[in-house]
Amino acid sequence: MSELQRLRDRIEDLEALLGLDRKIASRLRDAFMITLAQAETLGFMLRRNFVSHDALYIAMYGARPECDWPEIRILDVHVCHLRAALKKHGIAIKTKWGEGWTISPADKAKVHAVLEFLPARAA
């Protein structure tokens, strides 16, 4: 295995630990008809009891050069659109004003139930 491939695999492992797993994000995107950024946001929320605004922003954009970071309010836009998509499935995102967001364990179970019924993609 090349050094480059080893590093790519390591990045993928670390992103999965953070909740930014590209494979899960892709499945979430397909299941809920949302953008990749919204799917990554949802994936991050599924891995935690509470997601602070700052933690999500750094996880999503911290690897970019600071000059390429979007306006911090973009997360509020992602969550707003994500809420609308999840509402169709009876799933809610709760806001703790000025701090961040949470999804109840029951609603997380609903997300996983939707994913279970999603047909597997061909490799």
N, C-alpha and C. Protein backbone atom coordinates (compact mmCIF):
# COMPACT_ATOMS: atom_id res chain seq x y z
N MET A 1 0.85 -1.17 0.00
CA MET A 1 0.00 0.00 0.00
C MET A 1 0.90 1.23 0.00
N SER A 2 0.57 2.18 -0.85
CA SER A 2 1.38 3.39 -0.95
C SER A 2 1.15 4.29 0.27
N GLU A 3 2.10 5.15 0.51
CA GLU A 3 1.99 6.11 1.62
C GLU A 3 0.77 7.01 1.43
N LEU A 4 0.53 7.44 0.20
CA LEU A 4 -0.61 8.29 -0.10
C LEU A 4 -1.93 7.57 0.23
N GLN A 5 -2.05 6.32 -0.17
CA GLN A 5 -3.27 5.56 0.11
C GLN A 5 -3.44 5.34 1.61
N ARG A 6 -2.35 5.09 2.30
CA ARG A 6 -2.40 4.90 3.75
C ARG A 6 -2.92 6.17 4.43
N LEU A 7 -2.45 7.33 3.96
CA LEU A 7 -2.91 8.60 4.52
C LEU A 7 -4.37 8.87 4.19
N ARG A 8 -4.79 8.53 2.97
CA ARG A 8 -6.21 8.70 2.61
C ARG A 8 -7.10 7.82 3.48
N ASP A 9 -6.67 6.60 3.71
CA ASP A 9 -7.43 5.68 4.57
C ASP A 9 -7.52 6.22 5.99
N ARG A 10 -6.43 6.79 6.47
CA ARG A 10 -6.40 7.35 7.83
C ARG A 10 -7.35 8.54 7.95
N ILE A 11 -7.35 9.40 6.93
CA ILE A 11 -8.27 10.54 6.93
C ILE A 11 -9.71 10.06 6.95
N GLU A 12 -10.00 9.05 6.15
CA GLU A 12 -11.36 8.48 6.11
C GLU A 12 -11.75 7.93 7.48
N ASP A 13 -10.82 7.25 8.15
CA ASP A 13 -11.09 6.72 9.50
C ASP A 13 -11.37 7.84 10.49
N LEU A 14 -10.56 8.90 10.43
CA LEU A 14 -10.74 10.03 11.35
C LEU A 14 -12.04 10.77 11.08
N GLU A 15 -12.38 10.95 9.82
CA GLU A 15 -13.65 11.59 9.49
C GLU A 15 -14.82 10.76 9.99
N ALA A 16 -14.72 9.46 9.91
CA ALA A 16 -15.79 8.59 10.41
C ALA A 16 -15.94 8.75 11.91
N LEU A 17 -14.83 8.86 12.63
CA LEU A 17 -14.90 9.07 14.08
C LEU A 17 -15.59 10.39 14.42
N LEU A 18 -15.34 11.40 13.61
CA LEU A 18 -15.97 12.70 13.83
C LEU A 18 -17.45 12.70 13.46
N GLY A 19 -17.84 11.75 12.66
CA GLY A 19 -19.22 11.73 12.17
C GLY A 19 -19.32 12.32 10.78
N LEU A 20 -18.19 12.49 10.11
CA LEU A 20 -18.18 13.02 8.75
C LEU A 20 -17.87 11.93 7.74
N ASP A 21 -18.35 10.76 8.02
CA ASP A 21 -18.12 9.60 7.17
C ASP A 21 -18.79 9.81 5.81
N ARG A 22 -18.02 9.84 4.75
CA ARG A 22 -18.54 10.10 3.40
C ARG A 22 -19.53 9.03 2.95
N LYS A 23 -19.31 7.77 3.35
CA LYS A 23 -20.22 6.70 2.94
C LYS A 23 -21.58 6.89 3.59
N ILE A 24 -21.59 7.21 4.88
CA ILE A 24 -22.85 7.45 5.59
C ILE A 24 -23.51 8.71 5.04
N ALA A 25 -22.71 9.75 4.82
CA ALA A 25 -23.25 11.01 4.29
C ALA A 25 -23.93 10.77 2.94
N SER A 26 -23.34 9.95 2.12
CA SER A 26 -23.93 9.64 0.82
C SER A 26 -25.27 8.93 0.99
N ARG A 27 -25.33 7.99 1.92
CA ARG A 27 -26.59 7.27 2.17
C ARG A 27 -27.65 8.22 2.75
N LEU A 28 -27.23 9.11 3.66
CA LEU A 28 -28.17 10.08 4.23
C LEU A 28 -28.70 11.02 3.14
N ARG A 29 -27.80 11.42 2.26
CA ARG A 29 -28.19 12.30 1.16
C ARG A 29 -29.25 11.65 0.29
N ASP A 30 -29.04 10.39 -0.05
CA ASP A 30 -30.00 9.67 -0.87
C ASP A 30 -31.32 9.43 -0.14
N ALA A 31 -31.23 9.08 1.13
CA ALA A 31 -32.43 8.74 1.90
C ALA A 31 -33.35 9.94 2.13
N PHE A 32 -32.74 11.11 2.37
CA PHE A 32 -33.53 12.28 2.73
C PHE A 32 -33.55 13.36 1.65
N MET A 33 -32.89 13.07 0.50
CA MET A 33 -32.85 14.02 -0.61
C MET A 33 -32.32 15.38 -0.15
N ILE A 34 -31.12 15.37 0.45
CA ILE A 34 -30.49 16.57 0.98
C ILE A 34 -29.11 16.73 0.34
N THR A 35 -28.51 17.89 0.53
CA THR A 35 -27.18 18.14 -0.02
C THR A 35 -26.12 17.39 0.80
N LEU A 36 -24.93 17.30 0.24
CA LEU A 36 -23.84 16.64 0.96
C LEU A 36 -23.52 17.37 2.26
N ALA A 37 -23.49 18.68 2.24
CA ALA A 37 -23.20 19.44 3.46
C ALA A 37 -24.27 19.18 4.52
N GLN A 38 -25.52 19.11 4.12
CA GLN A 38 -26.60 18.81 5.07
C GLN A 38 -26.47 17.39 5.59
N ALA A 39 -26.08 16.46 4.72
CA ALA A 39 -25.89 15.07 5.13
C ALA A 39 -24.73 14.95 6.11
N GLU A 40 -23.65 15.68 5.88
CA GLU A 40 -22.52 15.66 6.81
C GLU A 40 -22.93 16.26 8.16
N THR A 41 -23.74 17.30 8.11
CA THR A 41 -24.26 17.90 9.34
C THR A 41 -25.09 16.89 10.11
N LEU A 42 -25.97 16.19 9.43
CA LEU A 42 -26.81 15.17 10.07
C LEU A 42 -25.95 14.04 10.62
N GLY A 43 -24.98 13.59 9.85
CA GLY A 43 -24.08 12.53 10.32
C GLY A 43 -23.35 12.92 11.59
N PHE A 44 -22.91 14.17 11.65
CA PHE A 44 -22.22 14.68 12.84
C PHE A 44 -23.18 14.68 14.03
N MET A 45 -24.42 15.08 13.80
CA MET A 45 -25.43 15.12 14.87
C MET A 45 -25.78 13.72 15.37
N LEU A 46 -25.78 12.75 14.47
CA LEU A 46 -26.13 11.39 14.86
C LEU A 46 -25.10 10.78 15.81
N ARG A 47 -23.87 11.25 15.74
CA ARG A 47 -22.78 10.68 16.54
C ARG A 47 -22.66 11.32 17.93
N ARG A 48 -23.46 12.35 18.21
CA ARG A 48 -23.32 13.07 19.47
C ARG A 48 -24.66 13.35 20.12
N ASN A 49 -24.62 13.55 21.45
CA ASN A 49 -25.83 13.95 22.17
C ASN A 49 -26.15 15.41 21.93
N PHE A 50 -25.11 16.23 21.80
CA PHE A 50 -25.26 17.66 21.56
C PHE A 50 -24.16 18.11 20.61
N VAL A 51 -24.49 18.96 19.66
CA VAL A 51 -23.52 19.47 18.69
C VAL A 51 -23.45 20.99 18.85
N SER A 52 -22.30 21.48 19.27
CA SER A 52 -22.15 22.94 19.37
C SER A 52 -21.90 23.52 17.99
N HIS A 53 -22.31 24.73 17.83
CA HIS A 53 -22.14 25.46 16.58
C HIS A 53 -20.66 25.48 16.19
N ASP A 54 -19.80 25.82 17.14
CA ASP A 54 -18.36 25.93 16.87
C ASP A 54 -17.74 24.59 16.49
N ALA A 55 -18.13 23.52 17.20
CA ALA A 55 -17.56 22.20 16.92
C ALA A 55 -17.94 21.74 15.51
N LEU A 56 -19.18 21.96 15.13
CA LEU A 56 -19.63 21.56 13.80
C LEU A 56 -18.91 22.38 12.73
N TYR A 57 -18.76 23.66 12.96
CA TYR A 57 -18.09 24.53 11.99
C TYR A 57 -16.64 24.10 11.77
N ILE A 58 -15.95 23.82 12.85
CA ILE A 58 -14.55 23.40 12.75
C ILE A 58 -14.44 22.03 12.08
N ALA A 59 -15.33 21.12 12.45
CA ALA A 59 -15.29 19.77 11.85
C ALA A 59 -15.53 19.84 10.34
N MET A 60 -16.44 20.70 9.92
CA MET A 60 -16.79 20.75 8.51
C MET A 60 -15.81 21.57 7.67
N TYR A 61 -15.27 22.64 8.26
CA TYR A 61 -14.48 23.57 7.45
C TYR A 61 -13.06 23.79 7.95
N GLY A 62 -12.71 23.22 9.09
CA GLY A 62 -11.40 23.46 9.69
C GLY A 62 -10.21 23.00 8.86
N ALA A 63 -10.40 22.04 7.98
CA ALA A 63 -9.29 21.54 7.17
C ALA A 63 -8.97 22.47 6.00
N ARG A 64 -9.88 23.37 5.70
CA ARG A 64 -9.67 24.32 4.61
C ARG A 64 -8.79 25.47 5.10
N PRO A 65 -8.10 26.13 4.17
CA PRO A 65 -7.42 27.37 4.57
C PRO A 65 -8.46 28.36 5.08
N GLU A 66 -8.11 29.12 6.08
CA GLU A 66 -9.07 30.02 6.71
C GLU A 66 -9.72 30.98 5.71
N CYS A 67 -9.00 31.36 4.68
CA CYS A 67 -9.56 32.26 3.67
C CYS A 67 -10.68 31.60 2.87
N ASP A 68 -10.79 30.27 2.92
CA ASP A 68 -11.84 29.53 2.21
C ASP A 68 -13.01 29.14 3.11
N TRP A 69 -12.98 29.57 4.36
CA TRP A 69 -14.09 29.24 5.27
C TRP A 69 -15.31 30.07 4.88
N PRO A 70 -16.47 29.43 4.82
CA PRO A 70 -17.69 30.20 4.51
C PRO A 70 -18.12 31.01 5.75
N GLU A 71 -19.08 31.87 5.54
CA GLU A 71 -19.66 32.64 6.64
C GLU A 71 -20.19 31.65 7.69
N ILE A 72 -19.96 31.94 8.95
CA ILE A 72 -20.32 30.99 10.02
C ILE A 72 -21.83 30.71 10.06
N ARG A 73 -22.64 31.63 9.59
CA ARG A 73 -24.10 31.44 9.60
C ARG A 73 -24.55 30.36 8.60
N ILE A 74 -23.63 29.87 7.77
CA ILE A 74 -24.00 28.84 6.80
C ILE A 74 -24.54 27.60 7.51
N LEU A 75 -24.04 27.34 8.72
CA LEU A 75 -24.54 26.18 9.46
C LEU A 75 -26.01 26.33 9.79
N ASP A 76 -26.43 27.55 10.11
CA ASP A 76 -27.85 27.78 10.39
C ASP A 76 -28.69 27.49 9.15
N VAL A 77 -28.16 27.82 7.99
CA VAL A 77 -28.85 27.55 6.73
C VAL A 77 -28.95 26.04 6.50
N HIS A 78 -27.81 25.32 6.72
CA HIS A 78 -27.83 23.86 6.56
C HIS A 78 -28.87 23.24 7.48
N VAL A 79 -28.89 23.67 8.73
CA VAL A 79 -29.82 23.09 9.70
C VAL A 79 -31.27 23.43 9.34
N CYS A 80 -31.51 24.65 8.87
CA CYS A 80 -32.86 25.04 8.46
C CYS A 80 -33.38 24.13 7.34
N HIS A 81 -32.56 23.92 6.32
CA HIS A 81 -32.97 23.05 5.21
C HIS A 81 -33.07 21.58 5.66
N LEU A 82 -32.16 21.19 6.53
CA LEU A 82 -32.17 19.83 7.05
C LEU A 82 -33.44 19.58 7.86
N ARG A 83 -33.83 20.55 8.66
CA ARG A 83 -35.08 20.43 9.43
C ARG A 83 -36.27 20.19 8.51
N ALA A 84 -36.34 20.94 7.43
CA ALA A 84 -37.46 20.80 6.49
C ALA A 84 -37.49 19.41 5.89
N ALA A 85 -36.32 18.88 5.52
CA ALA A 85 -36.27 17.54 4.93
C ALA A 85 -36.63 16.46 5.95
N LEU A 86 -36.16 16.62 7.18
CA LEU A 86 -36.42 15.61 8.21
C LEU A 86 -37.86 15.67 8.72
N LYS A 87 -38.46 16.83 8.68
CA LYS A 87 -39.84 17.00 9.17
C LYS A 87 -40.80 16.06 8.42
N LYS A 88 -40.51 15.82 7.14
CA LYS A 88 -41.35 14.93 6.33
C LYS A 88 -41.35 13.50 6.89
N HIS A 89 -40.34 13.18 7.69
CA HIS A 89 -40.20 11.84 8.28
C HIS A 89 -40.51 11.86 9.79
N GLY A 90 -41.02 12.97 10.28
CA GLY A 90 -41.35 13.08 11.70
C GLY A 90 -40.13 13.18 12.60
N ILE A 91 -39.03 13.72 12.06
CA ILE A 91 -37.77 13.84 12.81
C ILE A 91 -37.51 15.32 13.07
N ALA A 92 -37.15 15.65 14.31
CA ALA A 92 -36.94 17.04 14.69
C ALA A 92 -35.52 17.28 15.18
N ILE A 93 -35.01 18.46 14.89
CA ILE A 93 -33.74 18.94 15.43
C ILE A 93 -34.09 20.04 16.42
N LYS A 94 -33.65 19.88 17.64
CA LYS A 94 -33.90 20.88 18.69
C LYS A 94 -32.72 21.84 18.76
N THR A 95 -33.02 23.12 19.00
CA THR A 95 -31.98 24.14 19.11
C THR A 95 -31.83 24.57 20.55
N LYS A 96 -30.59 24.68 20.99
CA LYS A 96 -30.29 25.35 22.25
C LYS A 96 -29.72 26.69 21.83
N TRP A 97 -30.54 27.74 21.94
CA TRP A 97 -30.26 29.04 21.36
C TRP A 97 -28.84 29.52 21.70
N GLY A 98 -28.11 29.89 20.65
CA GLY A 98 -26.78 30.43 20.79
C GLY A 98 -25.69 29.40 21.07
N GLU A 99 -26.07 28.11 21.16
CA GLU A 99 -25.08 27.09 21.49
C GLU A 99 -24.97 25.99 20.45
N GLY A 100 -26.11 25.41 20.04
CA GLY A 100 -26.04 24.32 19.09
C GLY A 100 -27.34 23.56 18.97
N TRP A 101 -27.23 22.27 18.62
CA TRP A 101 -28.40 21.47 18.29
C TRP A 101 -28.31 20.07 18.88
N THR A 102 -29.47 19.43 18.94
CA THR A 102 -29.54 18.05 19.39
C THR A 102 -30.69 17.34 18.66
N ILE A 103 -30.54 16.04 18.53
CA ILE A 103 -31.60 15.18 18.00
C ILE A 103 -31.87 14.13 19.07
N SER A 104 -33.12 13.93 19.40
CA SER A 104 -33.47 12.97 20.45
C SER A 104 -33.08 11.55 20.03
N PRO A 105 -32.84 10.67 21.00
CA PRO A 105 -32.56 9.27 20.66
C PRO A 105 -33.67 8.62 19.83
N ALA A 106 -34.91 8.97 20.11
CA ALA A 106 -36.02 8.40 19.34
C ALA A 106 -35.96 8.86 17.88
N ASP A 107 -35.63 10.12 17.66
CA ASP A 107 -35.53 10.62 16.29
C ASP A 107 -34.29 10.07 15.58
N LYS A 108 -33.21 9.84 16.32
CA LYS A 108 -32.04 9.20 15.73
C LYS A 108 -32.40 7.79 15.26
N ALA A 109 -33.21 7.11 16.04
CA ALA A 109 -33.66 5.76 15.66
C ALA A 109 -34.49 5.83 14.37
N LYS A 110 -35.29 6.88 14.22
CA LYS A 110 -36.07 7.05 12.99
C LYS A 110 -35.16 7.23 11.78
N VAL A 111 -34.08 8.00 11.95
CA VAL A 111 -33.12 8.20 10.86
C VAL A 111 -32.53 6.85 10.45
N HIS A 112 -32.11 6.07 11.44
CA HIS A 112 -31.51 4.76 11.15
C HIS A 112 -32.53 3.82 10.50
N ALA A 113 -33.79 3.94 10.90
CA ALA A 113 -34.84 3.11 10.29
C ALA A 113 -35.02 3.45 8.81
N VAL A 114 -34.97 4.74 8.49
CA VAL A 114 -35.07 5.15 7.09
C VAL A 114 -33.88 4.59 6.31
N LEU A 115 -32.68 4.64 6.89
CA LEU A 115 -31.49 4.12 6.22
C LEU A 115 -31.58 2.61 5.98
N GLU A 116 -32.21 1.89 6.89
CA GLU A 116 -32.34 0.44 6.74
C GLU A 116 -33.15 0.07 5.50
N PHE A 117 -34.11 0.91 5.14
CA PHE A 117 -34.96 0.61 4.00
C PHE A 117 -34.42 1.13 2.68
N LEU A 118 -33.29 1.85 2.76
CA LEU A 118 -32.66 2.37 1.55
C LEU A 118 -31.94 1.24 0.84
N PRO A 119 -32.25 1.03 -0.45
CA PRO A 119 -31.56 -0.05 -1.18
C PRO A 119 -30.05 0.21 -1.23
N ALA A 120 -29.28 -0.84 -1.13
CA ALA A 120 -27.82 -0.73 -1.20
C ALA A 120 -27.43 -0.32 -2.61
N ARG A 121 -26.41 0.53 -2.70
CA ARG A 121 -25.89 0.95 -4.00
C ARG A 121 -25.01 -0.15 -4.59
N ALA A 122 -25.03 -0.22 -5.89
CA ALA A 122 -24.13 -1.15 -6.57
C ALA A 122 -22.72 -0.60 -6.49
N ALA A 123 -21.75 -1.45 -6.26
CA ALA A 123 -20.36 -1.01 -6.11
C ALA A 123 -19.74 -0.66 -7.43
